[in-house]
């Protein structure tokens, strides 16, 4: 049984690595940092993310969560990742990419799982920093940490339904300038649905307060502090 468990763990780890980017790209003027924590070494999760170049000073990124865990979720996660990567190359508007993904997930009758996604495009802004266009597919809002203003802002488009749940789902995007010193944080419900005290969910408000106390820290340090909470935040 122990040998079988070890083998399953190895297979799960290898499969999980195929669903995540091997590394993040280098973008001049922008610092990228990420962390992935599986809830169990024997089970493949449905969380996914990626950042990749589109050419001509354009990059795409996405982060999301497929319903469920295990082999079924892994199959859908693979479909989602490669659909969004292809859509980013063919559509300038990320909402069109979410609409294409929605159609494909509804056609996949073998799994019938929905997902939540944040899907964005980054380009240099002539005034400095970067212009970010972010489309929402039912996912919790991103957080913009603004040390100059002393605030944490939610970045959320006006509409954005679950992807793969409804044929007539609608999606929208918002656009903003990511300025020097600011941090854009994307996350999944592995943080917000955890219970630090064993009873109460951390929640989006808890995450906002946590990041508010870390305004001005580097992107890597913010991620490091969040990672340090993972053992305490496990339900």
C-alpha atoms as a PDB file:
ATOM      1  CA  UNK A   1       0.000   0.000   0.000  1.00  0.00           C
ATOM      2  CA  UNK A   2       2.850   2.385   0.830  1.00  0.00           C
ATOM      3  CA  UNK A   3       4.541   1.596  -2.495  1.00  0.00           C
ATOM      4  CA  UNK A   4       1.289   2.186  -4.396  1.00  0.00           C
ATOM      5  CA  UNK A   5       0.767   5.465  -2.565  1.00  0.00           C
ATOM      6  CA  UNK A   6       4.280   6.620  -3.498  1.00  0.00           C
ATOM      7  CA  UNK A   7       3.726   5.710  -7.153  1.00  0.00           C
ATOM      8  CA  UNK A   8       0.385   7.527  -7.242  1.00  0.00           C
ATOM      9  CA  UNK A   9       2.041  10.537  -5.643  1.00  0.00           C
ATOM     10  CA  UNK A  10       4.768  10.528  -8.298  1.00  0.00           C
ATOM     11  CA  UNK A  11       2.216  10.299 -11.114  1.00  0.00           C
ATOM     12  CA  UNK A  12       0.127  13.092  -9.586  1.00  0.00           C
ATOM     13  CA  UNK A  13       3.189  15.335  -9.226  1.00  0.00           C
ATOM     14  CA  UNK A  14       4.246  14.764 -12.844  1.00  0.00           C
ATOM     15  CA  UNK A  15       0.714  15.366 -14.133  1.00  0.00           C
ATOM     16  CA  UNK A  16       0.384  18.527 -12.057  1.00  0.00           C
ATOM     17  CA  UNK A  17       3.636  19.924 -13.477  1.00  0.00           C
ATOM     18  CA  UNK A  18       2.311  19.486 -17.024  1.00  0.00           C
ATOM     19  CA  UNK A  19      -0.631  21.730 -16.149  1.00  0.00           C
ATOM     20  CA  UNK A  20       1.516  24.631 -14.901  1.00  0.00           C
ATOM     21  CA  UNK A  21       4.157  26.763 -16.659  1.00  0.00           C
ATOM     22  CA  UNK A  22       7.719  25.491 -16.081  1.00  0.00           C
ATOM     23  CA  UNK A  23       8.846  29.077 -15.468  1.00  0.00           C
ATOM     24  CA  UNK A  24       7.637  32.654 -15.762  1.00  0.00           C
ATOM     25  CA  UNK A  25       8.911  34.869 -18.589  1.00  0.00           C
ATOM     26  CA  UNK A  26      11.230  37.825 -18.149  1.00  0.00           C
ATOM     27  CA  UNK A  27       9.449  41.130 -18.853  1.00  0.00           C
ATOM     28  CA  UNK A  28      11.550  44.274 -18.656  1.00  0.00           C
ATOM     29  CA  UNK A  29      10.158  46.666 -16.057  1.00  0.00           C
ATOM     30  CA  UNK A  30       7.894  44.042 -14.502  1.00  0.00           C
ATOM     31  CA  UNK A  31       8.550  41.560 -11.684  1.00  0.00           C
ATOM     32  CA  UNK A  32       6.627  38.271 -11.741  1.00  0.00           C
ATOM     33  CA  UNK A  33       6.243  35.858  -8.847  1.00  0.00           C
ATOM     34  CA  UNK A  34       3.999  32.845  -8.273  1.00  0.00           C
ATOM     35  CA  UNK A  35       3.363  29.952  -5.939  1.00  0.00           C
ATOM     36  CA  UNK A  36       1.310  26.790  -6.318  1.00  0.00           C
ATOM     37  CA  UNK A  37       0.388  24.626  -3.326  1.00  0.00           C
ATOM     38  CA  UNK A  38      -1.489  21.362  -3.870  1.00  0.00           C
ATOM     39  CA  UNK A  39      -3.903  20.399  -1.111  1.00  0.00           C
ATOM     40  CA  UNK A  40      -2.714  16.783  -1.325  1.00  0.00           C
ATOM     41  CA  UNK A  41       0.362  15.186  -2.944  1.00  0.00           C
ATOM     42  CA  UNK A  42      -1.867  12.307  -4.124  1.00  0.00           C
ATOM     43  CA  UNK A  43      -4.481  14.440  -5.867  1.00  0.00           C
ATOM     44  CA  UNK A  44      -4.239  16.732  -8.890  1.00  0.00           C
ATOM     45  CA  UNK A  45      -5.921  20.067  -8.260  1.00  0.00           C
ATOM     46  CA  UNK A  46      -7.962  22.182 -10.641  1.00  0.00           C
ATOM     47  CA  UNK A  47      -6.111  25.478 -10.135  1.00  0.00           C
ATOM     48  CA  UNK A  48      -4.077  26.768 -13.075  1.00  0.00           C
ATOM     49  CA  UNK A  49      -2.133  29.825 -14.215  1.00  0.00           C
ATOM     50  CA  UNK A  50       0.178  30.956 -17.016  1.00  0.00           C
ATOM     51  CA  UNK A  51       2.053  33.989 -18.358  1.00  0.00           C
ATOM     52  CA  UNK A  52       3.388  33.995 -21.915  1.00  0.00           C
ATOM     53  CA  UNK A  53       4.577  36.309 -24.695  1.00  0.00           C
ATOM     54  CA  UNK A  54       2.359  37.217 -27.635  1.00  0.00           C
ATOM     55  CA  UNK A  55       5.001  39.196 -29.534  1.00  0.00           C
ATOM     56  CA  UNK A  56       5.312  42.947 -30.264  1.00  0.00           C
ATOM     57  CA  UNK A  57       5.579  43.882 -26.571  1.00  0.00           C
ATOM     58  CA  UNK A  58       2.369  42.044 -25.626  1.00  0.00           C
ATOM     59  CA  UNK A  59       1.955  39.343 -23.003  1.00  0.00           C
ATOM     60  CA  UNK A  60      -1.048  37.329 -21.899  1.00  0.00           C
ATOM     61  CA  UNK A  61      -1.763  35.846 -18.504  1.00  0.00           C
ATOM     62  CA  UNK A  62      -4.519  33.889 -16.832  1.00  0.00           C
ATOM     63  CA  UNK A  63      -5.348  32.263 -13.530  1.00  0.00           C
ATOM     64  CA  UNK A  64      -8.348  30.152 -12.629  1.00  0.00           C
ATOM     65  CA  UNK A  65      -9.924  27.182 -10.977  1.00  0.00           C
ATOM     66  CA  UNK A  66     -11.624  24.169 -12.581  1.00  0.00           C
ATOM     67  CA  UNK A  67     -14.492  22.616 -10.673  1.00  0.00           C
ATOM     68  CA  UNK A  68     -13.399  19.552  -8.668  1.00  0.00           C
ATOM     69  CA  UNK A  69     -10.173  17.583  -8.385  1.00  0.00           C
ATOM     70  CA  UNK A  70      -8.608  14.438  -9.793  1.00  0.00           C
ATOM     71  CA  UNK A  71      -8.270  13.100 -13.331  1.00  0.00           C
ATOM     72  CA  UNK A  72     -11.475  14.705 -14.606  1.00  0.00           C
ATOM     73  CA  UNK A  73     -10.447  18.145 -13.397  1.00  0.00           C
ATOM     74  CA  UNK A  74      -6.944  17.629 -14.810  1.00  0.00           C
ATOM     75  CA  UNK A  75      -8.361  16.839 -18.263  1.00  0.00           C
ATOM     76  CA  UNK A  76     -10.468  19.996 -18.233  1.00  0.00           C
ATOM     77  CA  UNK A  77      -7.572  22.061 -16.872  1.00  0.00           C
ATOM     78  CA  UNK A  78      -5.418  20.946 -19.793  1.00  0.00           C
ATOM     79  CA  UNK A  79      -8.178  21.900 -22.250  1.00  0.00           C
ATOM     80  CA  UNK A  80      -8.606  25.297 -20.567  1.00  0.00           C
ATOM     81  CA  UNK A  81      -4.901  26.147 -20.576  1.00  0.00           C
ATOM     82  CA  UNK A  82      -4.292  25.345 -24.219  1.00  0.00           C
ATOM     83  CA  UNK A  83      -7.554  26.913 -25.374  1.00  0.00           C
ATOM     84  CA  UNK A  84      -6.698  30.187 -23.639  1.00  0.00           C
ATOM     85  CA  UNK A  85      -3.142  30.161 -24.971  1.00  0.00           C
ATOM     86  CA  UNK A  86      -4.459  29.700 -28.516  1.00  0.00           C
ATOM     87  CA  UNK A  87      -7.233  32.268 -28.011  1.00  0.00           C
ATOM     88  CA  UNK A  88      -4.722  34.879 -26.835  1.00  0.00           C
ATOM     89  CA  UNK A  89      -2.904  34.551 -30.152  1.00  0.00           C
ATOM     90  CA  UNK A  90      -6.071  34.990 -32.211  1.00  0.00           C
ATOM     91  CA  UNK A  91      -8.110  37.523 -30.222  1.00  0.00           C
ATOM     92  CA  UNK A  92      -7.004  40.965 -29.081  1.00  0.00           C
ATOM     93  CA  UNK A  93      -9.957  41.124 -26.691  1.00  0.00           C
ATOM     94  CA  UNK A  94      -9.655  38.636 -23.795  1.00  0.00           C
ATOM     95  CA  UNK A  95     -13.459  38.476 -23.464  1.00  0.00           C
ATOM     96  CA  UNK A  96     -13.545  36.805 -26.876  1.00  0.00           C
ATOM     97  CA  UNK A  97     -11.107  34.228 -25.542  1.00  0.00           C
ATOM     98  CA  UNK A  98     -13.403  33.488 -22.601  1.00  0.00           C
ATOM     99  CA  UNK A  99     -16.370  33.175 -24.971  1.00  0.00           C
ATOM    100  CA  UNK A 100     -14.430  30.679 -27.093  1.00  0.00           C
ATOM    101  CA  UNK A 101     -13.476  28.685 -23.995  1.00  0.00           C
ATOM    102  CA  UNK A 102     -17.108  28.713 -22.866  1.00  0.00           C
ATOM    103  CA  UNK A 103     -18.211  27.178 -26.167  1.00  0.00           C
ATOM    104  CA  UNK A 104     -15.572  24.444 -26.010  1.00  0.00           C
ATOM    105  CA  UNK A 105     -16.347  23.475 -22.420  1.00  0.00           C
ATOM    106  CA  UNK A 106     -20.045  23.169 -23.235  1.00  0.00           C
ATOM    107  CA  UNK A 107     -19.156  20.896 -26.163  1.00  0.00           C
ATOM    108  CA  UNK A 108     -17.078  18.631 -23.906  1.00  0.00           C
ATOM    109  CA  UNK A 109     -19.868  16.272 -22.841  1.00  0.00           C
ATOM    110  CA  UNK A 110     -17.441  13.734 -21.356  1.00  0.00           C
ATOM    111  CA  UNK A 111     -16.600  15.940 -18.361  1.00  0.00           C
ATOM    112  CA  UNK A 112     -19.100  18.839 -18.159  1.00  0.00           C
ATOM    113  CA  UNK A 113     -17.176  20.952 -15.671  1.00  0.00           C
ATOM    114  CA  UNK A 114     -17.138  24.715 -15.426  1.00  0.00           C
ATOM    115  CA  UNK A 115     -14.291  26.944 -14.307  1.00  0.00           C
ATOM    116  CA  UNK A 116     -13.566  30.442 -13.092  1.00  0.00           C
ATOM    117  CA  UNK A 117     -10.916  32.519 -14.869  1.00  0.00           C
ATOM    118  CA  UNK A 118      -9.150  35.859 -14.902  1.00  0.00           C
ATOM    119  CA  UNK A 119      -7.706  36.371 -18.396  1.00  0.00           C
ATOM    120  CA  UNK A 120      -5.615  39.422 -19.233  1.00  0.00           C
ATOM    121  CA  UNK A 121      -3.280  41.127 -21.663  1.00  0.00           C
ATOM    122  CA  UNK A 122      -0.326  43.356 -20.735  1.00  0.00           C
ATOM    123  CA  UNK A 123       1.295  46.027 -22.929  1.00  0.00           C
ATOM    124  CA  UNK A 124       3.725  48.873 -22.086  1.00  0.00           C
ATOM    125  CA  UNK A 125       2.024  52.185 -21.338  1.00  0.00           C
ATOM    126  CA  UNK A 126       3.545  55.258 -23.080  1.00  0.00           C
ATOM    127  CA  UNK A 127       3.384  57.138 -19.754  1.00  0.00           C
ATOM    128  CA  UNK A 128       5.342  54.423 -17.969  1.00  0.00           C
ATOM    129  CA  UNK A 129       4.287  51.186 -16.370  1.00  0.00           C
ATOM    130  CA  UNK A 130       1.920  48.844 -18.167  1.00  0.00           C
ATOM    131  CA  UNK A 131      -1.591  48.860 -19.550  1.00  0.00           C
ATOM    132  CA  UNK A 132      -3.542  45.819 -18.322  1.00  0.00           C
ATOM    133  CA  UNK A 133      -6.816  44.607 -19.811  1.00  0.00           C
ATOM    134  CA  UNK A 134      -8.440  42.017 -17.562  1.00  0.00           C
ATOM    135  CA  UNK A 135     -11.499  39.916 -18.378  1.00  0.00           C
ATOM    136  CA  UNK A 136     -13.461  38.092 -15.689  1.00  0.00           C
ATOM    137  CA  UNK A 137     -15.081  34.685 -15.907  1.00  0.00           C
ATOM    138  CA  UNK A 138     -16.697  34.251 -12.495  1.00  0.00           C
ATOM    139  CA  UNK A 139     -13.416  34.473 -10.591  1.00  0.00           C
ATOM    140  CA  UNK A 140     -12.746  36.531  -7.428  1.00  0.00           C
ATOM    141  CA  UNK A 141     -11.377  39.994  -8.248  1.00  0.00           C
ATOM    142  CA  UNK A 142      -7.690  40.703  -8.536  1.00  0.00           C
ATOM    143  CA  UNK A 143      -6.189  43.072  -5.962  1.00  0.00           C
ATOM    144  CA  UNK A 144      -4.151  46.141  -6.909  1.00  0.00           C
ATOM    145  CA  UNK A 145      -1.734  47.065  -4.117  1.00  0.00           C
ATOM    146  CA  UNK A 146      -1.035  50.784  -4.387  1.00  0.00           C
ATOM    147  CA  UNK A 147       1.547  51.961  -1.824  1.00  0.00           C
ATOM    148  CA  UNK A 148       1.560  55.543  -3.146  1.00  0.00           C
ATOM    149  CA  UNK A 149      -2.144  55.879  -2.462  1.00  0.00           C
ATOM    150  CA  UNK A 150      -2.024  53.700   0.638  1.00  0.00           C
ATOM    151  CA  UNK A 151      -4.874  51.532  -0.640  1.00  0.00           C
ATOM    152  CA  UNK A 152      -5.757  48.077  -1.943  1.00  0.00           C
ATOM    153  CA  UNK A 153      -8.231  48.177  -4.843  1.00  0.00           C
ATOM    154  CA  UNK A 154     -10.404  45.372  -6.198  1.00  0.00           C
ATOM    155  CA  UNK A 155     -10.009  44.965  -9.954  1.00  0.00           C
ATOM    156  CA  UNK A 156     -13.273  43.579 -11.299  1.00  0.00           C
ATOM    157  CA  UNK A 157     -15.102  43.963 -14.601  1.00  0.00           C
ATOM    158  CA  UNK A 158     -18.837  44.699 -14.579  1.00  0.00           C
ATOM    159  CA  UNK A 159     -19.943  41.208 -15.665  1.00  0.00           C
ATOM    160  CA  UNK A 160     -18.334  37.823 -15.928  1.00  0.00           C
ATOM    161  CA  UNK A 161     -20.160  34.526 -15.459  1.00  0.00           C
ATOM    162  CA  UNK A 162     -18.722  31.079 -14.785  1.00  0.00           C
ATOM    163  CA  UNK A 163     -17.053  29.677 -17.905  1.00  0.00           C
ATOM    164  CA  UNK A 164     -18.615  26.478 -19.254  1.00  0.00           C
ATOM    165  CA  UNK A 165     -21.819  26.672 -17.222  1.00  0.00           C
ATOM    166  CA  UNK A 166     -24.238  28.530 -19.516  1.00  0.00           C
ATOM    167  CA  UNK A 167     -24.527  28.738 -23.287  1.00  0.00           C
ATOM    168  CA  UNK A 168     -25.436  32.428 -23.151  1.00  0.00           C
ATOM    169  CA  UNK A 169     -22.777  33.418 -20.609  1.00  0.00           C
ATOM    170  CA  UNK A 170     -21.514  36.986 -20.950  1.00  0.00           C
ATOM    171  CA  UNK A 171     -18.084  38.382 -20.144  1.00  0.00           C
ATOM    172  CA  UNK A 172     -16.599  41.856 -19.881  1.00  0.00           C
ATOM    173  CA  UNK A 173     -13.181  43.371 -19.282  1.00  0.00           C
ATOM    174  CA  UNK A 174     -11.726  46.375 -17.514  1.00  0.00           C
ATOM    175  CA  UNK A 175      -8.538  48.245 -18.346  1.00  0.00           C
ATOM    176  CA  UNK A 176      -6.166  50.041 -16.002  1.00  0.00           C
ATOM    177  CA  UNK A 177      -2.587  51.255 -15.709  1.00  0.00           C
ATOM    178  CA  UNK A 178      -0.189  49.250 -13.552  1.00  0.00           C
ATOM    179  CA  UNK A 179       2.265  51.863 -12.303  1.00  0.00           C
ATOM    180  CA  UNK A 180       5.743  51.621 -10.832  1.00  0.00           C
ATOM    181  CA  UNK A 181       5.659  50.278  -7.280  1.00  0.00           C
ATOM    182  CA  UNK A 182       2.189  48.760  -7.609  1.00  0.00           C
ATOM    183  CA  UNK A 183       1.465  45.035  -7.357  1.00  0.00           C
ATOM    184  CA  UNK A 184      -1.342  43.128  -9.066  1.00  0.00           C
ATOM    185  CA  UNK A 185      -2.293  40.031  -7.055  1.00  0.00           C
ATOM    186  CA  UNK A 186      -4.302  37.139  -8.505  1.00  0.00           C
ATOM    187  CA  UNK A 187      -5.349  34.236  -6.293  1.00  0.00           C
ATOM    188  CA  UNK A 188      -7.737  31.282  -6.019  1.00  0.00           C
ATOM    189  CA  UNK A 189     -10.148  30.250  -3.283  1.00  0.00           C
ATOM    190  CA  UNK A 190      -7.465  28.079  -1.691  1.00  0.00           C
ATOM    191  CA  UNK A 191      -6.625  31.231   0.286  1.00  0.00           C
ATOM    192  CA  UNK A 192      -9.999  32.875   0.756  1.00  0.00           C
ATOM    193  CA  UNK A 193     -11.887  29.689   1.750  1.00  0.00           C
ATOM    194  CA  UNK A 194      -9.276  28.538   4.260  1.00  0.00           C
ATOM    195  CA  UNK A 195      -9.855  28.887   8.024  1.00  0.00           C
ATOM    196  CA  UNK A 196      -6.888  30.327   9.957  1.00  0.00           C
ATOM    197  CA  UNK A 197      -8.566  29.737  13.321  1.00  0.00           C
ATOM    198  CA  UNK A 198     -10.181  26.452  12.319  1.00  0.00           C
ATOM    199  CA  UNK A 199     -13.632  28.078  12.150  1.00  0.00           C
ATOM    200  CA  UNK A 200     -13.826  31.342  10.204  1.00  0.00           C
ATOM    201  CA  UNK A 201     -12.932  31.613   6.527  1.00  0.00           C
ATOM    202  CA  UNK A 202     -10.058  33.962   5.710  1.00  0.00           C
ATOM    203  CA  UNK A 203     -12.270  35.498   3.021  1.00  0.00           C
ATOM    204  CA  UNK A 204     -11.683  38.295   0.557  1.00  0.00           C
ATOM    205  CA  UNK A 205     -11.846  40.852   3.378  1.00  0.00           C
ATOM    206  CA  UNK A 206      -9.136  38.994   5.293  1.00  0.00           C
ATOM    207  CA  UNK A 207      -6.932  38.909   2.218  1.00  0.00           C
ATOM    208  CA  UNK A 208      -7.497  42.634   1.645  1.00  0.00           C
ATOM    209  CA  UNK A 209      -6.444  43.410   5.219  1.00  0.00           C
ATOM    210  CA  UNK A 210      -3.431  41.108   4.895  1.00  0.00           C
ATOM    211  CA  UNK A 211      -2.217  42.849   1.724  1.00  0.00           C
ATOM    212  CA  UNK A 212      -3.030  46.321   3.103  1.00  0.00           C
ATOM    213  CA  UNK A 213      -0.450  45.663   5.822  1.00  0.00           C
ATOM    214  CA  UNK A 214       2.140  44.828   3.140  1.00  0.00           C
ATOM    215  CA  UNK A 215       1.886  47.835   0.865  1.00  0.00           C
ATOM    216  CA  UNK A 216       5.305  48.789  -0.425  1.00  0.00           C
ATOM    217  CA  UNK A 217       6.798  45.322  -0.123  1.00  0.00           C
ATOM    218  CA  UNK A 218       8.230  43.681  -3.221  1.00  0.00           C
ATOM    219  CA  UNK A 219       6.071  41.295  -5.224  1.00  0.00           C
ATOM    220  CA  UNK A 220       8.266  38.390  -4.183  1.00  0.00           C
ATOM    221  CA  UNK A 221       7.948  39.334  -0.504  1.00  0.00           C
ATOM    222  CA  UNK A 222       4.148  39.538  -0.700  1.00  0.00           C
ATOM    223  CA  UNK A 223       4.064  36.042  -2.219  1.00  0.00           C
ATOM    224  CA  UNK A 224       6.550  34.810   0.382  1.00  0.00           C
ATOM    225  CA  UNK A 225       4.349  36.084   3.215  1.00  0.00           C
ATOM    226  CA  UNK A 226       1.295  34.420   1.700  1.00  0.00           C
ATOM    227  CA  UNK A 227       3.199  31.152   1.302  1.00  0.00           C
ATOM    228  CA  UNK A 228       4.210  31.293   4.953  1.00  0.00           C
ATOM    229  CA  UNK A 229       0.515  31.285   5.871  1.00  0.00           C
ATOM    230  CA  UNK A 230      -0.377  28.161   3.901  1.00  0.00           C
ATOM    231  CA  UNK A 231       0.138  25.595   6.728  1.00  0.00           C
ATOM    232  CA  UNK A 232      -1.904  27.781   9.095  1.00  0.00           C
ATOM    233  CA  UNK A 233      -4.602  28.403   6.480  1.00  0.00           C
ATOM    234  CA  UNK A 234      -5.184  24.758   5.596  1.00  0.00           C
ATOM    235  CA  UNK A 235      -8.794  23.862   6.465  1.00  0.00           C
END
